[in-house]
C-alpha cells in the first residue's frame, strides 16, 4: 500500500484536499498529509486528480475522496476509475451535469509538413 493511501472497509483509499487558488478562481489539489501538489490550477479538482492518479499507475478500484481545505466533510467520493471517466459540462442553456470525459487532441489543427530535401515532392519540372 502506498504510504499516502488509507484503508476503508478493506479497500485502499486516497483522500484529496482542494485549496482555492484565488488568482485564477481554480483549485490546487494535494493528497492529504502531503505537501506536494498533485494537480495545480484546475476547475475540476476531483476529476482531473483522478486522471492524474490513473496516469501515475494507481489502481482504478481505489476509493477517491475529495475534501476542501479546512473542512472534514467529504465533498465527493468515487473510485479513481469512475471519476477519471467523468467531467462537468456547463452548456450555454441547460443544467450543469456530469458527462463522459473525452481527451482533447494534442493539436486542434493538422500541422504543416516541413519541406526538407527528403520530403520534397517531385513533378515533371523538377523539385518544387
N, C-alpha and C. Protein backbone atom coordinates (compact mmCIF):
# COMPACT_ATOMS: atom_id res chain seq x y z
N UNK A 1 0.84 -1.19 0.00
CA UNK A 1 0.00 0.00 0.00
C UNK A 1 0.88 1.24 0.00
N UNK A 2 0.54 2.21 -0.82
CA UNK A 2 1.22 3.48 -0.90
C UNK A 2 1.12 4.19 0.46
N UNK A 3 2.19 4.81 0.94
CA UNK A 3 2.12 5.46 2.26
C UNK A 3 1.11 6.60 2.32
N UNK A 4 0.68 7.13 1.17
CA UNK A 4 -0.31 8.21 1.18
C UNK A 4 -1.73 7.68 1.07
N UNK A 5 -1.88 6.35 0.97
CA UNK A 5 -3.20 5.75 0.92
C UNK A 5 -3.65 5.36 2.31
N UNK A 6 -4.94 5.30 2.48
CA UNK A 6 -5.55 4.85 3.73
C UNK A 6 -6.37 3.61 3.39
N UNK A 7 -7.01 3.00 4.38
CA UNK A 7 -7.87 1.84 4.15
C UNK A 7 -9.27 2.18 4.65
N UNK A 8 -10.28 1.73 3.90
CA UNK A 8 -11.66 1.89 4.33
C UNK A 8 -12.43 0.66 3.88
N UNK A 9 -13.02 -0.04 4.80
CA UNK A 9 -13.79 -1.25 4.50
C UNK A 9 -12.96 -2.24 3.69
N UNK A 10 -11.69 -2.37 4.03
CA UNK A 10 -10.81 -3.32 3.36
C UNK A 10 -10.32 -2.88 1.99
N UNK A 11 -10.61 -1.65 1.58
CA UNK A 11 -10.18 -1.16 0.27
C UNK A 11 -9.23 0.03 0.45
N UNK A 12 -8.31 0.16 -0.52
CA UNK A 12 -7.41 1.32 -0.50
C UNK A 12 -8.22 2.59 -0.76
N UNK A 13 -7.78 3.69 -0.15
CA UNK A 13 -8.47 4.96 -0.29
C UNK A 13 -7.44 6.09 -0.33
N UNK A 14 -7.65 7.06 -1.20
CA UNK A 14 -6.82 8.26 -1.27
C UNK A 14 -7.72 9.45 -0.99
N UNK A 15 -7.30 10.31 -0.07
CA UNK A 15 -8.06 11.50 0.27
C UNK A 15 -7.35 12.70 -0.34
N UNK A 16 -8.09 13.46 -1.15
CA UNK A 16 -7.57 14.67 -1.77
C UNK A 16 -8.01 15.89 -0.98
N UNK A 17 -7.17 16.92 -0.99
CA UNK A 17 -7.53 18.19 -0.36
C UNK A 17 -7.41 19.27 -1.43
N UNK A 18 -8.54 19.95 -1.69
CA UNK A 18 -8.58 21.01 -2.70
C UNK A 18 -8.52 22.36 -2.00
N UNK A 19 -7.55 23.17 -2.40
CA UNK A 19 -7.39 24.51 -1.85
C UNK A 19 -7.63 25.54 -2.94
N UNK A 20 -8.39 26.60 -2.65
CA UNK A 20 -8.65 27.60 -3.68
C UNK A 20 -7.37 28.31 -4.13
N UNK A 21 -7.30 28.58 -5.39
CA UNK A 21 -6.22 29.37 -5.98
C UNK A 21 -6.87 30.70 -6.36
N UNK A 22 -6.82 31.72 -5.49
CA UNK A 22 -7.61 32.94 -5.69
C UNK A 22 -7.23 33.75 -6.92
N UNK A 23 -6.01 33.62 -7.39
CA UNK A 23 -5.62 34.42 -8.56
C UNK A 23 -6.32 33.96 -9.82
N UNK A 24 -6.71 32.71 -9.86
CA UNK A 24 -7.28 32.17 -11.10
C UNK A 24 -8.68 31.59 -10.92
N UNK A 25 -9.25 31.67 -9.73
CA UNK A 25 -10.56 31.08 -9.43
C UNK A 25 -10.57 29.58 -9.74
N UNK A 26 -9.48 28.92 -9.42
CA UNK A 26 -9.33 27.49 -9.63
C UNK A 26 -8.88 26.84 -8.33
N UNK A 27 -8.53 25.55 -8.39
CA UNK A 27 -8.10 24.83 -7.20
C UNK A 27 -6.73 24.20 -7.43
N UNK A 28 -5.96 24.12 -6.35
CA UNK A 28 -4.74 23.32 -6.30
C UNK A 28 -5.06 22.11 -5.43
N UNK A 29 -4.64 20.93 -5.86
CA UNK A 29 -5.02 19.70 -5.17
C UNK A 29 -3.77 18.95 -4.70
N UNK A 30 -3.83 18.47 -3.47
CA UNK A 30 -2.77 17.63 -2.93
C UNK A 30 -3.42 16.42 -2.26
N UNK A 31 -2.63 15.39 -2.07
CA UNK A 31 -3.10 14.23 -1.32
C UNK A 31 -2.96 14.56 0.16
N UNK A 32 -3.97 14.22 0.95
CA UNK A 32 -3.97 14.52 2.38
C UNK A 32 -2.68 14.03 3.04
N UNK A 33 -2.14 14.81 3.94
CA UNK A 33 -0.91 14.53 4.68
C UNK A 33 0.33 14.63 3.78
N UNK A 34 0.21 15.33 2.68
CA UNK A 34 1.34 15.56 1.78
C UNK A 34 1.40 17.05 1.46
N UNK A 35 2.60 17.56 1.27
CA UNK A 35 2.76 18.97 0.92
C UNK A 35 2.89 19.17 -0.59
N UNK A 36 3.04 18.08 -1.34
CA UNK A 36 3.23 18.18 -2.79
C UNK A 36 1.88 18.23 -3.49
N UNK A 37 1.79 19.11 -4.50
CA UNK A 37 0.56 19.21 -5.27
C UNK A 37 0.47 18.09 -6.30
N UNK A 38 -0.70 17.52 -6.42
CA UNK A 38 -0.99 16.51 -7.42
C UNK A 38 -1.41 17.18 -8.73
N UNK A 39 -2.28 18.20 -8.60
CA UNK A 39 -2.78 18.98 -9.74
C UNK A 39 -2.82 20.43 -9.32
N UNK A 40 -2.42 21.31 -10.21
CA UNK A 40 -2.47 22.75 -9.93
C UNK A 40 -3.42 23.45 -10.90
N UNK A 41 -4.07 24.47 -10.40
CA UNK A 41 -4.89 25.37 -11.19
C UNK A 41 -5.91 24.64 -12.07
N UNK A 42 -6.84 23.94 -11.43
CA UNK A 42 -7.86 23.19 -12.15
C UNK A 42 -9.26 23.66 -11.75
N UNK A 43 -10.16 23.65 -12.72
CA UNK A 43 -11.56 23.95 -12.44
C UNK A 43 -12.30 22.71 -11.95
N UNK A 44 -11.76 21.53 -12.20
CA UNK A 44 -12.40 20.27 -11.83
C UNK A 44 -11.43 19.43 -11.00
N UNK A 45 -11.22 19.79 -9.74
CA UNK A 45 -10.18 19.14 -8.94
C UNK A 45 -10.37 17.64 -8.77
N UNK A 46 -11.58 17.16 -8.61
CA UNK A 46 -11.81 15.74 -8.38
C UNK A 46 -11.51 14.91 -9.62
N UNK A 47 -12.08 15.31 -10.74
CA UNK A 47 -11.93 14.52 -11.97
C UNK A 47 -10.51 14.62 -12.54
N UNK A 48 -9.93 15.82 -12.54
CA UNK A 48 -8.56 15.97 -13.05
C UNK A 48 -7.56 15.22 -12.17
N UNK A 49 -7.78 15.20 -10.87
CA UNK A 49 -6.90 14.45 -9.96
C UNK A 49 -7.02 12.95 -10.20
N UNK A 50 -8.24 12.48 -10.46
CA UNK A 50 -8.43 11.05 -10.74
C UNK A 50 -7.65 10.65 -12.00
N UNK A 51 -7.73 11.47 -13.05
CA UNK A 51 -6.99 11.16 -14.28
C UNK A 51 -5.48 11.19 -14.05
N UNK A 52 -5.02 12.11 -13.21
CA UNK A 52 -3.59 12.19 -12.90
C UNK A 52 -3.15 10.94 -12.14
N UNK A 53 -3.95 10.48 -11.19
CA UNK A 53 -3.62 9.27 -10.44
C UNK A 53 -3.60 8.04 -11.35
N UNK A 54 -4.53 7.97 -12.29
CA UNK A 54 -4.51 6.87 -13.26
C UNK A 54 -3.24 6.91 -14.09
N UNK A 55 -2.84 8.12 -14.52
CA UNK A 55 -1.60 8.28 -15.29
C UNK A 55 -0.38 7.83 -14.49
N UNK A 56 -0.44 8.00 -13.17
CA UNK A 56 0.66 7.60 -12.30
C UNK A 56 0.63 6.11 -11.96
N UNK A 57 -0.38 5.40 -12.45
CA UNK A 57 -0.43 3.95 -12.27
C UNK A 57 -1.23 3.45 -11.09
N UNK A 58 -2.05 4.28 -10.49
CA UNK A 58 -2.86 3.84 -9.34
C UNK A 58 -3.99 2.92 -9.80
N UNK A 59 -4.39 2.02 -8.92
CA UNK A 59 -5.46 1.07 -9.18
C UNK A 59 -6.79 1.81 -9.38
N UNK A 60 -7.48 1.57 -10.51
CA UNK A 60 -8.76 2.24 -10.75
C UNK A 60 -9.83 1.92 -9.71
N UNK A 61 -9.67 0.83 -8.96
CA UNK A 61 -10.66 0.46 -7.94
C UNK A 61 -10.41 1.13 -6.59
N UNK A 62 -9.34 1.89 -6.48
CA UNK A 62 -9.05 2.62 -5.24
C UNK A 62 -10.11 3.69 -5.02
N UNK A 63 -10.59 3.79 -3.79
CA UNK A 63 -11.59 4.81 -3.44
C UNK A 63 -10.90 6.18 -3.41
N UNK A 64 -11.58 7.17 -3.99
CA UNK A 64 -11.06 8.54 -4.02
C UNK A 64 -12.05 9.46 -3.33
N UNK A 65 -11.54 10.27 -2.40
CA UNK A 65 -12.38 11.18 -1.63
C UNK A 65 -11.82 12.59 -1.79
N UNK A 66 -12.70 13.58 -1.98
CA UNK A 66 -12.27 14.98 -2.06
C UNK A 66 -12.83 15.75 -0.88
N UNK A 67 -11.95 16.46 -0.20
CA UNK A 67 -12.33 17.39 0.87
C UNK A 67 -11.81 18.76 0.49
N UNK A 68 -12.48 19.79 0.95
CA UNK A 68 -11.98 21.15 0.77
C UNK A 68 -11.08 21.49 1.95
N UNK A 69 -10.04 22.24 1.68
CA UNK A 69 -9.07 22.59 2.72
C UNK A 69 -9.78 23.18 3.94
N UNK A 70 -9.45 22.65 5.11
CA UNK A 70 -10.02 23.13 6.36
C UNK A 70 -11.36 22.53 6.72
N UNK A 71 -11.88 21.62 5.90
CA UNK A 71 -13.18 21.01 6.17
C UNK A 71 -13.02 19.50 6.33
N UNK A 72 -13.67 18.91 7.33
CA UNK A 72 -13.62 17.45 7.49
C UNK A 72 -14.65 16.73 6.61
N UNK A 73 -15.53 17.49 5.97
CA UNK A 73 -16.62 16.91 5.17
C UNK A 73 -16.12 16.36 3.84
N UNK A 74 -16.58 15.16 3.49
CA UNK A 74 -16.27 14.57 2.20
C UNK A 74 -17.18 15.21 1.15
N UNK A 75 -16.60 15.98 0.23
CA UNK A 75 -17.40 16.67 -0.78
C UNK A 75 -17.80 15.73 -1.91
N UNK A 76 -16.88 14.88 -2.36
CA UNK A 76 -17.14 13.90 -3.42
C UNK A 76 -16.43 12.61 -3.09
N UNK A 77 -17.01 11.48 -3.56
CA UNK A 77 -16.40 10.18 -3.30
C UNK A 77 -16.75 9.25 -4.45
N UNK A 78 -15.75 8.52 -4.94
CA UNK A 78 -15.93 7.58 -6.04
C UNK A 78 -14.71 6.67 -6.08
N UNK A 79 -14.62 5.85 -7.11
CA UNK A 79 -13.36 5.15 -7.35
C UNK A 79 -12.56 6.00 -8.33
N UNK A 80 -11.25 5.80 -8.35
CA UNK A 80 -10.40 6.57 -9.27
C UNK A 80 -10.84 6.33 -10.71
N UNK A 81 -11.13 5.07 -11.06
CA UNK A 81 -11.51 4.74 -12.42
C UNK A 81 -12.79 5.42 -12.87
N UNK A 82 -13.82 5.39 -12.02
CA UNK A 82 -15.10 6.02 -12.37
C UNK A 82 -14.96 7.53 -12.48
N UNK A 83 -14.26 8.15 -11.53
CA UNK A 83 -14.08 9.60 -11.56
C UNK A 83 -13.23 10.04 -12.75
N UNK A 84 -12.27 9.22 -13.13
CA UNK A 84 -11.41 9.57 -14.26
C UNK A 84 -12.14 9.58 -15.60
N UNK A 85 -13.29 8.94 -15.66
CA UNK A 85 -14.07 8.90 -16.91
C UNK A 85 -15.08 10.05 -17.01
N UNK A 86 -15.15 10.91 -15.98
CA UNK A 86 -16.17 11.96 -15.96
C UNK A 86 -15.58 13.36 -16.06
N UNK A 87 -16.44 14.28 -16.44
CA UNK A 87 -16.12 15.71 -16.47
C UNK A 87 -17.41 16.46 -16.13
N UNK A 88 -17.32 17.76 -15.98
CA UNK A 88 -18.50 18.59 -15.74
C UNK A 88 -18.80 19.35 -17.02
N UNK A 89 -20.04 19.26 -17.48
CA UNK A 89 -20.48 20.01 -18.67
C UNK A 89 -21.28 21.21 -18.20
N UNK A 90 -20.95 22.36 -18.78
CA UNK A 90 -21.67 23.59 -18.48
C UNK A 90 -22.21 24.15 -19.79
N UNK A 91 -23.36 23.66 -20.26
CA UNK A 91 -23.89 24.13 -21.53
C UNK A 91 -24.34 25.59 -21.44
N UNK A 92 -24.45 26.24 -22.62
CA UNK A 92 -24.92 27.63 -22.65
C UNK A 92 -26.32 27.74 -22.08
N UNK A 93 -27.15 26.78 -22.43
CA UNK A 93 -28.51 26.72 -21.89
C UNK A 93 -28.72 25.31 -21.33
N UNK A 94 -29.20 25.26 -20.16
CA UNK A 94 -29.41 23.94 -19.57
C UNK A 94 -28.74 23.84 -18.21
N UNK A 95 -28.75 22.64 -17.67
CA UNK A 95 -28.24 22.41 -16.34
C UNK A 95 -26.82 21.88 -16.38
N UNK A 96 -26.04 22.27 -15.40
CA UNK A 96 -24.69 21.73 -15.24
C UNK A 96 -24.84 20.27 -14.85
N UNK A 97 -24.02 19.39 -15.46
CA UNK A 97 -24.15 17.97 -15.19
C UNK A 97 -22.82 17.25 -15.44
N UNK A 98 -22.72 16.04 -14.89
CA UNK A 98 -21.58 15.18 -15.17
C UNK A 98 -21.76 14.58 -16.55
N UNK A 99 -20.66 14.40 -17.27
CA UNK A 99 -20.70 13.81 -18.60
C UNK A 99 -19.45 12.98 -18.82
N UNK A 100 -19.46 12.16 -19.86
CA UNK A 100 -18.32 11.34 -20.22
C UNK A 100 -17.16 12.26 -20.64
N UNK A 101 -15.97 12.02 -20.11
CA UNK A 101 -14.79 12.81 -20.44
C UNK A 101 -14.18 12.31 -21.74
N UNK A 102 -13.78 13.24 -22.59
CA UNK A 102 -13.08 12.90 -23.83
C UNK A 102 -11.82 13.74 -23.89
N UNK A 103 -10.71 13.09 -24.14
CA UNK A 103 -9.43 13.81 -24.22
C UNK A 103 -9.41 14.69 -25.46
N UNK A 104 -8.80 15.84 -25.33
CA UNK A 104 -8.61 16.71 -26.48
C UNK A 104 -7.46 16.18 -27.30
N UNK A 105 -7.50 16.37 -28.63
CA UNK A 105 -6.32 16.01 -29.41
C UNK A 105 -5.17 16.94 -29.02
N UNK A 106 -3.96 16.50 -29.27
CA UNK A 106 -2.81 17.32 -28.87
C UNK A 106 -2.76 18.63 -29.63
N UNK A 107 -3.36 18.70 -30.81
CA UNK A 107 -3.39 19.94 -31.58
C UNK A 107 -4.73 20.03 -32.28
N UNK A 108 -5.39 21.18 -32.22
CA UNK A 108 -6.69 21.30 -32.87
C UNK A 108 -6.60 21.40 -34.40
N UNK A 109 -5.40 21.61 -34.92
CA UNK A 109 -5.23 21.70 -36.38
C UNK A 109 -4.15 20.72 -36.82
N UNK A 110 -4.20 20.35 -38.07
CA UNK A 110 -3.18 19.46 -38.62
C UNK A 110 -1.92 20.27 -38.88
N UNK A 111 -0.77 19.81 -38.38
CA UNK A 111 0.46 20.59 -38.60
C UNK A 111 0.89 20.53 -40.06
N UNK A 112 1.52 21.61 -40.51
CA UNK A 112 2.09 21.63 -41.85
C UNK A 112 3.29 20.70 -41.88
N UNK A 113 3.53 20.12 -43.03
CA UNK A 113 4.71 19.29 -43.19
C UNK A 113 5.85 20.20 -43.59
N UNK A 114 6.90 20.13 -42.84
CA UNK A 114 8.07 20.95 -43.14
C UNK A 114 8.78 20.34 -44.34
N UNK A 115 9.04 21.14 -45.31
CA UNK A 115 9.70 20.65 -46.52
C UNK A 115 11.20 20.61 -46.32
N UNK A 116 11.71 19.42 -46.47
CA UNK A 116 13.15 19.22 -46.40
C UNK A 116 13.56 18.49 -47.66
N UNK A 117 14.83 18.25 -47.83
CA UNK A 117 15.31 17.54 -49.01
C UNK A 117 14.65 16.17 -49.12
N UNK A 118 14.34 15.52 -47.97
CA UNK A 118 13.74 14.19 -48.00
C UNK A 118 12.25 14.24 -48.33
N UNK A 119 11.57 15.34 -48.05
CA UNK A 119 10.12 15.38 -48.23
C UNK A 119 9.67 16.16 -49.46
N UNK A 120 10.59 16.72 -50.23
CA UNK A 120 10.18 17.48 -51.42
C UNK A 120 9.49 16.57 -52.43
N UNK A 121 8.42 17.07 -52.97
CA UNK A 121 7.67 16.31 -53.96
C UNK A 121 8.25 16.63 -55.33
N UNK A 122 8.40 15.61 -56.11
CA UNK A 122 8.91 15.77 -57.47
C UNK A 122 7.75 15.92 -58.44
N UNK A 123 7.91 16.79 -59.41
CA UNK A 123 6.96 16.84 -60.51
C UNK A 123 7.77 16.91 -61.80
N UNK A 124 7.09 16.96 -62.90
CA UNK A 124 7.79 16.83 -64.19
C UNK A 124 8.83 17.93 -64.41
N UNK A 125 8.68 19.07 -63.77
CA UNK A 125 9.62 20.17 -63.96
C UNK A 125 10.77 20.15 -62.97
N UNK A 126 10.88 19.11 -62.13
CA UNK A 126 11.96 19.06 -61.14
C UNK A 126 11.42 19.34 -59.76
N UNK A 127 12.30 19.55 -58.78
CA UNK A 127 11.84 19.77 -57.40
C UNK A 127 11.05 21.08 -57.28
N UNK A 128 10.13 21.10 -56.31
CA UNK A 128 9.34 22.32 -56.04
C UNK A 128 10.13 23.29 -55.23
